Amino acid sequence: MACAVSTETAGAAGPGAAAPARPFDLDTAWQLHPQVSVRPERFGALLYHFGTRRLSFLKSPALLRVVSSLGDQPSAREACRAAGVAAADLAGYQGALATLAASQMICERSRP
């Protein structure tokens, strides 16, 4: 089963999408899960999790930039800022990242 991840709000995840267990914390350090492979595409990217065997589609190149920079930034909020996400668009990216966290494509990064 594939999961399409979008920055659109109001039900953008689609029917049957996993709802996040808790609100996504933009001020936490996140990273791409170590078992996830990223294949950039014109529309965004394909993510494949080798542990769960799930496939996700990132529906925008901007979301790919955010996800790709998560491991290099102190928080998801800073990853969004570094990728050029406008403050007005942050809620959509927060929702997309929450979907990725719920499907184990990204995970919290422990702080040293």
PDB file of N, CA and C in Angstrom:
ATOM      1  N   MET A   1       0.844  -1.174   0.000  1.00  0.00           N
ATOM      2  CA  MET A   1       0.000   0.000   0.000  1.00  0.00           C
ATOM      3  C   MET A   1       0.886   1.233   0.000  1.00  0.00           C
ATOM      4  N   ALA A   2       0.529   2.200  -0.782  1.00  0.00           N
ATOM      5  CA  ALA A   2       1.302   3.435  -0.890  1.00  0.00           C
ATOM      6  C   ALA A   2       0.623   4.550  -0.113  1.00  0.00           C
ATOM      7  N   CYS A   3       1.407   5.491   0.311  1.00  0.00           N
ATOM      8  CA  CYS A   3       0.928   6.656   1.043  1.00  0.00           C
ATOM      9  C   CYS A   3       1.409   7.898   0.318  1.00  0.00           C
ATOM     10  N   ALA A   4       0.496   8.770  -0.070  1.00  0.00           N
ATOM     11  CA  ALA A   4       0.877  10.028  -0.709  1.00  0.00           C
ATOM     12  C   ALA A   4       0.928  11.104   0.355  1.00  0.00           C
ATOM     13  N   VAL A   5       2.047  11.784   0.446  1.00  0.00           N
ATOM     14  CA  VAL A   5       2.225  12.818   1.450  1.00  0.00           C
ATOM     15  C   VAL A   5       2.218  14.163   0.748  1.00  0.00           C
ATOM     16  N   SER A   6       1.324  15.013   1.195  1.00  0.00           N
ATOM     17  CA  SER A   6       1.142  16.320   0.593  1.00  0.00           C
ATOM     18  C   SER A   6       1.167  17.392   1.661  1.00  0.00           C
ATOM     19  N   THR A   7       1.450  18.610   1.241  1.00  0.00           N
ATOM     20  CA  THR A   7       1.407  19.736   2.166  1.00  0.00           C
ATOM     21  C   THR A   7       0.036  20.414   2.165  1.00  0.00           C
ATOM     22  N   GLU A   8      -0.914  19.878   1.388  1.00  0.00           N
ATOM     23  CA  GLU A   8      -2.269  20.429   1.377  1.00  0.00           C
ATOM     24  C   GLU A   8      -2.930  20.131   2.707  1.00  0.00           C
ATOM     25  N   THR A   9      -3.804  21.029   3.162  1.00  0.00           N
ATOM     26  CA  THR A   9      -4.492  20.836   4.437  1.00  0.00           C
ATOM     27  C   THR A   9      -5.884  20.283   4.200  1.00  0.00           C
ATOM     28  N   ALA A  10      -6.581  19.983   5.294  1.00  0.00           N
ATOM     29  CA  ALA A  10      -7.966  19.501   5.286  1.00  0.00           C
ATOM     30  C   ALA A  10      -8.138  18.201   4.542  1.00  0.00           C
ATOM     31  N   GLY A  11      -7.706  17.122   5.191  1.00  0.00           N
ATOM     32  CA  GLY A  11      -7.938  15.794   4.637  1.00  0.00           C
ATOM     33  C   GLY A  11      -7.023  15.433   3.493  1.00  0.00           C
ATOM     34  N   ALA A  12      -5.882  16.066   3.377  1.00  0.00           N
ATOM     35  CA  ALA A  12      -4.986  15.826   2.253  1.00  0.00           C
ATOM     36  C   ALA A  12      -4.402  14.429   2.255  1.00  0.00           C
ATOM     37  N   ALA A  13      -4.327  13.786   3.406  1.00  0.00           N
ATOM     38  CA  ALA A  13      -3.718  12.461   3.473  1.00  0.00           C
ATOM     39  C   ALA A  13      -4.583  11.411   2.789  1.00  0.00           C
ATOM     40  N   GLY A  14      -5.862  11.663   2.666  1.00  0.00           N
ATOM     41  CA  GLY A  14      -6.736  10.740   1.970  1.00  0.00           C
ATOM     42  C   GLY A  14      -7.372   9.729   2.898  1.00  0.00           C
ATOM     43  N   PRO A  15      -8.327   8.951   2.360  1.00  0.00           N
ATOM     44  CA  PRO A  15      -9.025   7.972   3.180  1.00  0.00           C
ATOM     45  C   PRO A  15      -8.084   6.847   3.595  1.00  0.00           C
ATOM     46  N   GLY A  16      -8.259   6.384   4.803  1.00  0.00           N
ATOM     47  CA  GLY A  16      -7.478   5.265   5.293  1.00  0.00           C
ATOM     48  C   GLY A  16      -6.081   5.622   5.761  1.00  0.00           C
ATOM     49  N   ALA A  17      -5.726   6.898   5.730  1.00  0.00           N
ATOM     50  CA  ALA A  17      -4.391   7.314   6.177  1.00  0.00           C
ATOM     51  C   ALA A  17      -4.315   7.221   7.686  1.00  0.00           C
ATOM     52  N   ALA A  18      -3.146   6.860   8.186  1.00  0.00           N
ATOM     53  CA  ALA A  18      -2.953   6.747   9.618  1.00  0.00           C
ATOM     54  C   ALA A  18      -2.944   8.138  10.255  1.00  0.00           C
ATOM     55  N   ALA A  19      -3.721   8.301  11.288  1.00  0.00           N
ATOM     56  CA  ALA A  19      -3.739   9.576  12.003  1.00  0.00           C
ATOM     57  C   ALA A  19      -2.595   9.574  13.014  1.00  0.00           C
ATOM     58  N   PRO A  20      -1.903  10.688  13.145  1.00  0.00           N
ATOM     59  CA  PRO A  20      -0.815  10.741  14.114  1.00  0.00           C
ATOM     60  C   PRO A  20      -1.322  10.493  15.531  1.00  0.00           C
ATOM     61  N   ALA A  21      -0.542   9.741  16.330  1.00  0.00           N
ATOM     62  CA  ALA A  21      -0.931   9.428  17.700  1.00  0.00           C
ATOM     63  C   ALA A  21      -0.887  10.670  18.585  1.00  0.00           C
ATOM     64  N   ARG A  22       0.003  11.595  18.270  1.00  0.00           N
ATOM     65  CA  ARG A  22       0.120  12.851  19.020  1.00  0.00           C
ATOM     66  C   ARG A  22       0.488  13.940  18.033  1.00  0.00           C
ATOM     67  N   PRO A  23       0.274  15.183  18.406  1.00  0.00           N
ATOM     68  CA  PRO A  23       0.609  16.264  17.480  1.00  0.00           C
ATOM     69  C   PRO A  23       2.094  16.236  17.113  1.00  0.00           C
ATOM     70  N   PHE A  24       2.400  16.585  15.878  1.00  0.00           N
ATOM     71  CA  PHE A  24       3.786  16.604  15.419  1.00  0.00           C
ATOM     72  C   PHE A  24       4.480  17.832  15.981  1.00  0.00           C
ATOM     73  N   ASP A  25       5.601  17.619  16.647  1.00  0.00           N
ATOM     74  CA  ASP A  25       6.343  18.706  17.279  1.00  0.00           C
ATOM     75  C   ASP A  25       7.405  19.238  16.329  1.00  0.00           C
ATOM     76  N   LEU A  26       7.168  20.423  15.788  1.00  0.00           N
ATOM     77  CA  LEU A  26       8.120  21.042  14.869  1.00  0.00           C
ATOM     78  C   LEU A  26       9.430  21.433  15.549  1.00  0.00           C
ATOM     79  N   ASP A  27       9.423  21.535  16.864  1.00  0.00           N
ATOM     80  CA  ASP A  27      10.620  21.964  17.577  1.00  0.00           C
ATOM     81  C   ASP A  27      11.486  20.803  18.059  1.00  0.00           C
ATOM     82  N   THR A  28      11.148  19.594  17.653  1.00  0.00           N
ATOM     83  CA  THR A  28      11.925  18.397  17.964  1.00  0.00           C
ATOM     84  C   THR A  28      12.879  18.110  16.812  1.00  0.00           C
ATOM     85  N   ALA A  29      13.993  17.470  17.136  1.00  0.00           N
ATOM     86  CA  ALA A  29      14.955  17.045  16.109  1.00  0.00           C
ATOM     87  C   ALA A  29      14.443  15.753  15.474  1.00  0.00           C
ATOM     88  N   TRP A  30      14.371  15.732  14.150  1.00  0.00           N
ATOM     89  CA  TRP A  30      13.883  14.572  13.394  1.00  0.00           C
ATOM     90  C   TRP A  30      14.936  14.168  12.367  1.00  0.00           C
ATOM     91  N   GLN A  31      14.780  12.961  11.844  1.00  0.00           N
ATOM     92  CA  GLN A  31      15.653  12.475  10.776  1.00  0.00           C
ATOM     93  C   GLN A  31      14.889  11.472   9.930  1.00  0.00           C
ATOM     94  N   LEU A  32      15.396  11.246   8.747  1.00  0.00           N
ATOM     95  CA  LEU A  32      14.875  10.176   7.917  1.00  0.00           C
ATOM     96  C   LEU A  32      15.179   8.871   8.637  1.00  0.00           C
ATOM     97  N   HIS A  33      14.236   7.949   8.667  1.00  0.00           N
ATOM     98  CA  HIS A  33      14.471   6.663   9.324  1.00  0.00           C
ATOM     99  C   HIS A  33      15.637   5.965   8.633  1.00  0.00           C
ATOM    100  N   PRO A  34      16.541   5.326   9.376  1.00  0.00           N
ATOM    101  CA  PRO A  34      17.704   4.677   8.769  1.00  0.00           C
ATOM    102  C   PRO A  34      17.366   3.607   7.738  1.00  0.00           C
ATOM    103  N   GLN A  35      16.170   3.035   7.806  1.00  0.00           N
ATOM    104  CA  GLN A  35      15.783   1.993   6.858  1.00  0.00           C
ATOM    105  C   GLN A  35      15.005   2.539   5.664  1.00  0.00           C
ATOM    106  N   VAL A  36      14.996   3.863   5.494  1.00  0.00           N
ATOM    107  CA  VAL A  36      14.245   4.478   4.396  1.00  0.00           C
ATOM    108  C   VAL A  36      15.202   4.931   3.297  1.00  0.00           C
ATOM    109  N   SER A  37      14.828   4.602   2.082  1.00  0.00           N
ATOM    110  CA  SER A  37      15.568   5.031   0.900  1.00  0.00           C
ATOM    111  C   SER A  37      14.740   6.073   0.160  1.00  0.00           C
ATOM    112  N   VAL A  38      15.416   7.096  -0.364  1.00  0.00           N
ATOM    113  CA  VAL A  38      14.748   8.202  -1.069  1.00  0.00           C
ATOM    114  C   VAL A  38      15.139   8.162  -2.537  1.00  0.00           C
ATOM    115  N   ARG A  39      14.138   8.219  -3.400  1.00  0.00           N
ATOM    116  CA  ARG A  39      14.400   8.336  -4.838  1.00  0.00           C
ATOM    117  C   ARG A  39      13.736   9.615  -5.334  1.00  0.00           C
ATOM    118  N   PRO A  40      14.539  10.655  -5.597  1.00  0.00           N
ATOM    119  CA  PRO A  40      13.965  11.912  -6.105  1.00  0.00           C
ATOM    120  C   PRO A  40      13.288  11.700  -7.463  1.00  0.00           C
ATOM    121  N   GLU A  41      12.193  12.386  -7.660  1.00  0.00           N
ATOM    122  CA  GLU A  41      11.422  12.344  -8.912  1.00  0.00           C
ATOM    123  C   GLU A  41      11.035  13.777  -9.273  1.00  0.00           C
ATOM    124  N   ARG A  42      10.557  13.990 -10.488  1.00  0.00           N
ATOM    125  CA  ARG A  42      10.109  15.321 -10.924  1.00  0.00           C
ATOM    126  C   ARG A  42       9.045  15.909 -10.004  1.00  0.00           C
ATOM    127  N   PHE A  43       8.146  15.071  -9.533  1.00  0.00           N
ATOM    128  CA  PHE A  43       7.022  15.534  -8.725  1.00  0.00           C
ATOM    129  C   PHE A  43       7.389  15.703  -7.252  1.00  0.00           C
ATOM    130  N   GLY A  44       8.524  15.179  -6.823  1.00  0.00           N
ATOM    131  CA  GLY A  44       8.921  15.192  -5.413  1.00  0.00           C
ATOM    132  C   GLY A  44       9.868  14.042  -5.147  1.00  0.00           C
ATOM    133  N   ALA A  45       9.322  12.927  -4.628  1.00  0.00           N
ATOM    134  CA  ALA A  45      10.179  11.768  -4.364  1.00  0.00           C
ATOM    135  C   ALA A  45       9.349  10.549  -3.993  1.00  0.00           C
ATOM    136  N   LEU A  46       9.992   9.402  -4.094  1.00  0.00           N
ATOM    137  CA  LEU A  46       9.456   8.141  -3.579  1.00  0.00           C
ATOM    138  C   LEU A  46      10.284   7.794  -2.349  1.00  0.00           C
ATOM    139  N   LEU A  47       9.615   7.381  -1.288  1.00  0.00           N
ATOM    140  CA  LEU A  47      10.290   6.896  -0.089  1.00  0.00           C
ATOM    141  C   LEU A  47       9.916   5.435   0.080  1.00  0.00           C
ATOM    142  N   TYR A  48      10.915   4.592   0.323  1.00  0.00           N
ATOM    143  CA  TYR A  48      10.644   3.177   0.569  1.00  0.00           C
ATOM    144  C   TYR A  48      11.268   2.786   1.893  1.00  0.00           C
ATOM    145  N   HIS A  49      10.462   2.196   2.763  1.00  0.00           N
ATOM    146  CA  HIS A  49      10.928   1.737   4.073  1.00  0.00           C
ATOM    147  C   HIS A  49      11.195   0.237   3.976  1.00  0.00           C
ATOM    148  N   PHE A  50      12.454  -0.137   4.098  1.00  0.00           N
ATOM    149  CA  PHE A  50      12.832  -1.542   3.955  1.00  0.00           C
ATOM    150  C   PHE A  50      12.352  -2.403   5.117  1.00  0.00           C
ATOM    151  N   GLY A  51      12.116  -1.809   6.278  1.00  0.00           N
ATOM    152  CA  GLY A  51      11.621  -2.575   7.424  1.00  0.00           C
ATOM    153  C   GLY A  51      10.135  -2.876   7.338  1.00  0.00           C
ATOM    154  N   THR A  52       9.345  -1.876   6.991  1.00  0.00           N
ATOM    155  CA  THR A  52       7.888  -2.056   6.936  1.00  0.00           C
ATOM    156  C   THR A  52       7.395  -2.397   5.535  1.00  0.00           C
ATOM    157  N   ARG A  53       8.280  -2.228   4.544  1.00  0.00           N
ATOM    158  CA  ARG A  53       7.969  -2.464   3.136  1.00  0.00           C
ATOM    159  C   ARG A  53       6.870  -1.527   2.625  1.00  0.00           C
ATOM    160  N   ARG A  54       6.818  -0.316   3.193  1.00  0.00           N
ATOM    161  CA  ARG A  54       5.840   0.691   2.767  1.00  0.00           C
ATOM    162  C   ARG A  54       6.487   1.671   1.811  1.00  0.00           C
ATOM    163  N   LEU A  55       5.675   2.168   0.905  1.00  0.00           N
ATOM    164  CA  LEU A  55       6.097   3.154  -0.080  1.00  0.00           C
ATOM    165  C   LEU A  55       5.291   4.430   0.149  1.00  0.00           C
ATOM    166  N   SER A  56       5.967   5.562   0.132  1.00  0.00           N
ATOM    167  CA  SER A  56       5.297   6.855   0.255  1.00  0.00           C
ATOM    168  C   SER A  56       5.747   7.758  -0.879  1.00  0.00           C
ATOM    169  N   PHE A  57       4.859   8.636  -1.290  1.00  0.00           N
ATOM    170  CA  PHE A  57       5.161   9.614  -2.330  1.00  0.00           C
ATOM    171  C   PHE A  57       5.195  10.997  -1.692  1.00  0.00           C
ATOM    172  N   LEU A  58       6.265  11.725  -1.911  1.00  0.00           N
ATOM    173  CA  LEU A  58       6.307  13.132  -1.512  1.00  0.00           C
ATOM    174  C   LEU A  58       5.841  13.912  -2.725  1.00  0.00           C
ATOM    175  N   LYS A  59       4.805  14.693  -2.559  1.00  0.00           N
ATOM    176  CA  LYS A  59       4.158  15.331  -3.697  1.00  0.00           C
ATOM    177  C   LYS A  59       4.704  16.695  -4.078  1.00  0.00           C
ATOM    178  N   SER A  60       5.862  17.062  -3.534  1.00  0.00           N
ATOM    179  CA  SER A  60       6.448  18.337  -3.944  1.00  0.00           C
ATOM    180  C   SER A  60       7.961  18.321  -3.717  1.00  0.00           C
ATOM    181  N   PRO A  61       8.697  18.984  -4.595  1.00  0.00           N
ATOM    182  CA  PRO A  61      10.144  19.104  -4.389  1.00  0.00           C
ATOM    183  C   PRO A  61      10.484  19.852  -3.097  1.00  0.00           C
ATOM    184  N   ALA A  62       9.649  20.803  -2.686  1.00  0.00           N
ATOM    185  CA  ALA A  62       9.905  21.541  -1.448  1.00  0.00           C
ATOM    186  C   ALA A  62       9.832  20.606  -0.237  1.00  0.00           C
ATOM    187  N   LEU A  63       8.863  19.700  -0.234  1.00  0.00           N
ATOM    188  CA  LEU A  63       8.756  18.736   0.870  1.00  0.00           C
ATOM    189  C   LEU A  63       9.971  17.815   0.875  1.00  0.00           C
ATOM    190  N   LEU A  64      10.466  17.448  -0.293  1.00  0.00           N
ATOM    191  CA  LEU A  64      11.685  16.646  -0.371  1.00  0.00           C
ATOM    192  C   LEU A  64      12.863  17.405   0.245  1.00  0.00           C
ATOM    193  N   ARG A  65      12.972  18.701  -0.031  1.00  0.00           N
ATOM    194  CA  ARG A  65      14.057  19.500   0.563  1.00  0.00           C
ATOM    195  C   ARG A  65      13.953  19.511   2.083  1.00  0.00           C
ATOM    196  N   VAL A  66      12.739  19.623   2.603  1.00  0.00           N
ATOM    197  CA  VAL A  66      12.543  19.604   4.057  1.00  0.00           C
ATOM    198  C   VAL A  66      12.977  18.253   4.624  1.00  0.00           C
ATOM    199  N   VAL A  67      12.467  17.175   4.062  1.00  0.00           N
ATOM    200  CA  VAL A  67      12.771  15.831   4.567  1.00  0.00           C
ATOM    201  C   VAL A  67      14.271  15.543   4.464  1.00  0.00           C
ATOM    202  N   SER A  68      14.882  15.954   3.369  1.00  0.00           N
ATOM    203  CA  SER A  68      16.310  15.705   3.167  1.00  0.00           C
ATOM    204  C   SER A  68      17.178  16.467   4.158  1.00  0.00           C
ATOM    205  N   SER A  69      16.701  17.597   4.643  1.00  0.00           N
ATOM    206  CA  SER A  69      17.516  18.405   5.560  1.00  0.00           C
ATOM    207  C   SER A  69      17.206  18.149   7.031  1.00  0.00           C
ATOM    208  N   LEU A  70      16.257  17.285   7.340  1.00  0.00           N
ATOM    209  CA  LEU A  70      15.892  17.049   8.740  1.00  0.00           C
ATOM    210  C   LEU A  70      17.093  16.655   9.598  1.00  0.00           C
ATOM    211  N   GLY A  71      17.935  15.771   9.099  1.00  0.00           N
ATOM    212  CA  GLY A  71      19.072  15.296   9.880  1.00  0.00           C
ATOM    213  C   GLY A  71      20.147  16.330  10.101  1.00  0.00           C
ATOM    214  N   ASP A  72      20.151  17.393   9.307  1.00  0.00           N
ATOM    215  CA  ASP A  72      21.169  18.438   9.407  1.00  0.00           C
ATOM    216  C   ASP A  72      20.715  19.657  10.195  1.00  0.00           C
ATOM    217  N   GLN A  73      19.454  19.697  10.557  1.00  0.00           N
ATOM    218  CA  GLN A  73      18.896  20.869  11.241  1.00  0.00           C
ATOM    219  C   GLN A  73      18.537  20.514  12.681  1.00  0.00           C
ATOM    220  N   PRO A  74      18.542  21.486  13.591  1.00  0.00           N
ATOM    221  CA  PRO A  74      18.241  21.203  14.995  1.00  0.00           C
ATOM    222  C   PRO A  74      16.774  20.850  15.266  1.00  0.00           C
ATOM    223  N   SER A  75      15.886  21.178  14.326  1.00  0.00           N
ATOM    224  CA  SER A  75      14.463  20.873  14.502  1.00  0.00           C
ATOM    225  C   SER A  75      13.786  20.825  13.138  1.00  0.00           C
ATOM    226  N   ALA A  76      12.569  20.279  13.126  1.00  0.00           N
ATOM    227  CA  ALA A  76      11.791  20.255  11.886  1.00  0.00           C
ATOM    228  C   ALA A  76      11.445  21.680  11.452  1.00  0.00           C
ATOM    229  N   ARG A  77      11.204  22.552  12.412  1.00  0.00           N
ATOM    230  CA  ARG A  77      10.897  23.949  12.093  1.00  0.00           C
ATOM    231  C   ARG A  77      12.069  24.589  11.342  1.00  0.00           C
ATOM    232  N   GLU A  78      13.305  24.316  11.814  1.00  0.00           N
ATOM    233  CA  GLU A  78      14.490  24.862  11.154  1.00  0.00           C
ATOM    234  C   GLU A  78      14.709  24.219   9.790  1.00  0.00           C
ATOM    235  N   ALA A  79      14.363  22.952   9.642  1.00  0.00           N
ATOM    236  CA  ALA A  79      14.461  22.294   8.330  1.00  0.00           C
ATOM    237  C   ALA A  79      13.504  22.951   7.340  1.00  0.00           C
ATOM    238  N   CYS A  80      12.308  23.284   7.802  1.00  0.00           N
ATOM    239  CA  CYS A  80      11.340  23.987   6.942  1.00  0.00           C
ATOM    240  C   CYS A  80      11.868  25.363   6.568  1.00  0.00           C
ATOM    241  N   ARG A  81      12.393  26.058   7.540  1.00  0.00           N
ATOM    242  CA  ARG A  81      12.936  27.399   7.295  1.00  0.00           C
ATOM    243  C   ARG A  81      14.091  27.320   6.289  1.00  0.00           C
ATOM    244  N   ALA A  82      14.990  26.360   6.467  1.00  0.00           N
ATOM    245  CA  ALA A  82      16.142  26.205   5.569  1.00  0.00           C
ATOM    246  C   ALA A  82      15.709  25.848   4.146  1.00  0.00           C
ATOM    247  N   ALA A  83      14.570  25.165   4.019  1.00  0.00           N
ATOM    248  CA  ALA A  83      14.060  24.775   2.703  1.00  0.00           C
ATOM    249  C   ALA A  83      13.240  25.881   2.052  1.00  0.00           C
ATOM    250  N   GLY A  84      13.083  27.008   2.751  1.00  0.00           N
ATOM    251  CA  GLY A  84      12.359  28.142   2.179  1.00  0.00           C
ATOM    252  C   GLY A  84      10.860  28.102   2.367  1.00  0.00           C
ATOM    253  N   VAL A  85      10.374  27.322   3.335  1.00  0.00           N
ATOM    254  CA  VAL A  85       8.932  27.250   3.592  1.00  0.00           C
ATOM    255  C   VAL A  85       8.492  28.538   4.285  1.00  0.00           C
ATOM    256  N   ALA A  86       7.492  29.192   3.728  1.00  0.00           N
ATOM    257  CA  ALA A  86       6.950  30.426   4.313  1.00  0.00           C
ATOM    258  C   ALA A  86       6.173  30.106   5.587  1.00  0.00           C
ATOM    259  N   ALA A  87       6.165  31.043   6.516  1.00  0.00           N
ATOM    260  CA  ALA A  87       5.449  30.855   7.776  1.00  0.00           C
ATOM    261  C   ALA A  87       3.980  30.515   7.543  1.00  0.00           C
ATOM    262  N   ALA A  88       3.383  31.108   6.521  1.00  0.00           N
ATOM    263  CA  ALA A  88       1.968  30.852   6.219  1.00  0.00           C
ATOM    264  C   ALA A  88       1.730  29.417   5.754  1.00  0.00           C
ATOM    265  N   ASP A  89       2.761  28.746   5.254  1.00  0.00           N
ATOM    266  CA  ASP A  89       2.634  27.377   4.744  1.00  0.00           C
ATOM    267  C   ASP A  89       3.062  26.327   5.755  1.00  0.00           C
ATOM    268  N   LEU A  90       3.522  26.746   6.917  1.00  0.00           N
ATOM    269  CA  LEU A  90       4.092  25.824   7.891  1.00  0.00           C
ATOM    270  C   LEU A  90       3.107  24.752   8.361  1.00  0.00           C
ATOM    271  N   ALA A  91       1.846  25.092   8.529  1.00  0.00           N
ATOM    272  CA  ALA A  91       0.854  24.114   9.003  1.00  0.00           C
ATOM    273  C   ALA A  91       0.721  22.942   8.024  1.00  0.00           C
ATOM    274  N   GLY A  92       0.762  23.220   6.733  1.00  0.00           N
ATOM    275  CA  GLY A  92       0.683  22.147   5.740  1.00  0.00           C
ATOM    276  C   GLY A  92       1.883  21.220   5.814  1.00  0.00           C
ATOM    277  N   TYR A  93       3.056  21.783   6.010  1.00  0.00           N
ATOM    278  CA  TYR A  93       4.262  20.970   6.135  1.00  0.00           C
ATOM    279  C   TYR A  93       4.257  20.186   7.445  1.00  0.00           C
ATOM    280  N   GLN A  94       3.736  20.791   8.501  1.00  0.00           N
ATOM    281  CA  GLN A  94       3.620  20.084   9.771  1.00  0.00           C
ATOM    282  C   GLN A  94       2.733  18.852   9.611  1.00  0.00           C
ATOM    283  N   GLY A  95       1.627  19.000   8.887  1.00  0.00           N
ATOM    284  CA  GLY A  95       0.738  17.859   8.640  1.00  0.00           C
ATOM    285  C   GLY A  95       1.407  16.777   7.818  1.00  0.00           C
ATOM    286  N   ALA A  96       2.153  17.179   6.795  1.00  0.00           N
ATOM    287  CA  ALA A  96       2.851  16.202   5.953  1.00  0.00           C
ATOM    288  C   ALA A  96       3.912  15.464   6.763  1.00  0.00           C
ATOM    289  N   LEU A  97       4.649  16.178   7.593  1.00  0.00           N
ATOM    290  CA  LEU A  97       5.667  15.540   8.435  1.00  0.00           C
ATOM    291  C   LEU A  97       5.025  14.621   9.470  1.00  0.00           C
ATOM    292  N   ALA A  98       3.871  14.992   9.986  1.00  0.00           N
ATOM    293  CA  ALA A  98       3.152  14.129  10.927  1.00  0.00           C
ATOM    294  C   ALA A  98       2.776  12.814  10.261  1.00  0.00           C
ATOM    295  N   THR A  99       2.336  12.883   9.010  1.00  0.00           N
ATOM    296  CA  THR A  99       1.995  11.666   8.270  1.00  0.00           C
ATOM    297  C   THR A  99       3.235  10.794   8.073  1.00  0.00           C
ATOM    298  N   LEU A 100       4.364  11.426   7.750  1.00  0.00           N
ATOM    299  CA  LEU A 100       5.605  10.670   7.576  1.00  0.00           C
ATOM    300  C   LEU A 100       6.056  10.039   8.894  1.00  0.00           C
ATOM    301  N   ALA A 101       5.878  10.736  10.005  1.00  0.00           N
ATOM    302  CA  ALA A 101       6.236  10.176  11.310  1.00  0.00           C
ATOM    303  C   ALA A 101       5.328   8.998  11.668  1.00  0.00           C
ATOM    304  N   ALA A 102       4.027   9.147  11.402  1.00  0.00           N
ATOM    305  CA  ALA A 102       3.076   8.075  11.709  1.00  0.00           C
ATOM    306  C   ALA A 102       3.351   6.813  10.889  1.00  0.00           C
ATOM    307  N   SER A 103       3.891   6.990   9.689  1.00  0.00           N
ATOM    308  CA  SER A 103       4.195   5.825   8.841  1.00  0.00           C
ATOM    309  C   SER A 103       5.649   5.381   8.984  1.00  0.00           C
ATOM    310  N   GLN A 104       6.358   5.920   9.970  1.00  0.00           N
ATOM    311  CA  GLN A 104       7.734   5.551  10.317  1.00  0.00           C
ATOM    312  C   GLN A 104       8.750   5.873   9.224  1.00  0.00           C
ATOM    313  N   MET A 105       8.433   6.828   8.345  1.00  0.00           N
ATOM    314  CA  MET A 105       9.392   7.251   7.329  1.00  0.00           C
ATOM    315  C   MET A 105      10.424   8.204   7.937  1.00  0.00           C
ATOM    316  N   ILE A 106       9.998   8.971   8.939  1.00  0.00           N
ATOM    317  CA  ILE A 106      10.932   9.801   9.693  1.00  0.00           C
ATOM    318  C   ILE A 106      10.797   9.417  11.155  1.00  0.00           C
ATOM    319  N   CYS A 107      11.837   9.697  11.927  1.00  0.00           N
ATOM    320  CA  CYS A 107      11.799   9.365  13.342  1.00  0.00           C
ATOM    321  C   CYS A 107      12.511  10.454  14.132  1.00  0.00           C
ATOM    322  N   GLU A 108      12.184  10.527  15.417  1.00  0.00           N
ATOM    323  CA  GLU A 108      12.852  11.519  16.264  1.00  0.00           C
ATOM    324  C   GLU A 108      14.332  11.188  16.345  1.00  0.00           C
ATOM    325  N   ARG A 109      15.127  12.234  16.364  1.00  0.00           N
ATOM    326  CA  ARG A 109      16.575  12.083  16.465  1.00  0.00           C
ATOM    327  C   ARG A 109      16.955  12.365  17.915  1.00  0.00           C
ATOM    328  N   SER A 110      17.756  11.496  18.495  1.00  0.00           N
ATOM    329  CA  SER A 110      18.191  11.740  19.856  1.00  0.00           C
ATOM    330  C   SER A 110      19.218  12.851  19.873  1.00  0.00           C
ATOM    331  N   ARG A 111      19.131  13.666  20.886  1.00  0.00           N
ATOM    332  CA  ARG A 111      20.071  14.784  21.018  1.00  0.00           C
ATOM    333  C   ARG A 111      21.269  14.309  21.841  1.00  0.00           C
ATOM    334  N   PRO A 112      22.477  14.737  21.423  1.00  0.00           N
ATOM    335  CA  PRO A 112      23.671  14.297  22.155  1.00  0.00           C
ATOM    336  C   PRO A 112      23.745  14.861  23.551  1.00  0.00           C
TER     337      PRO A 112
END
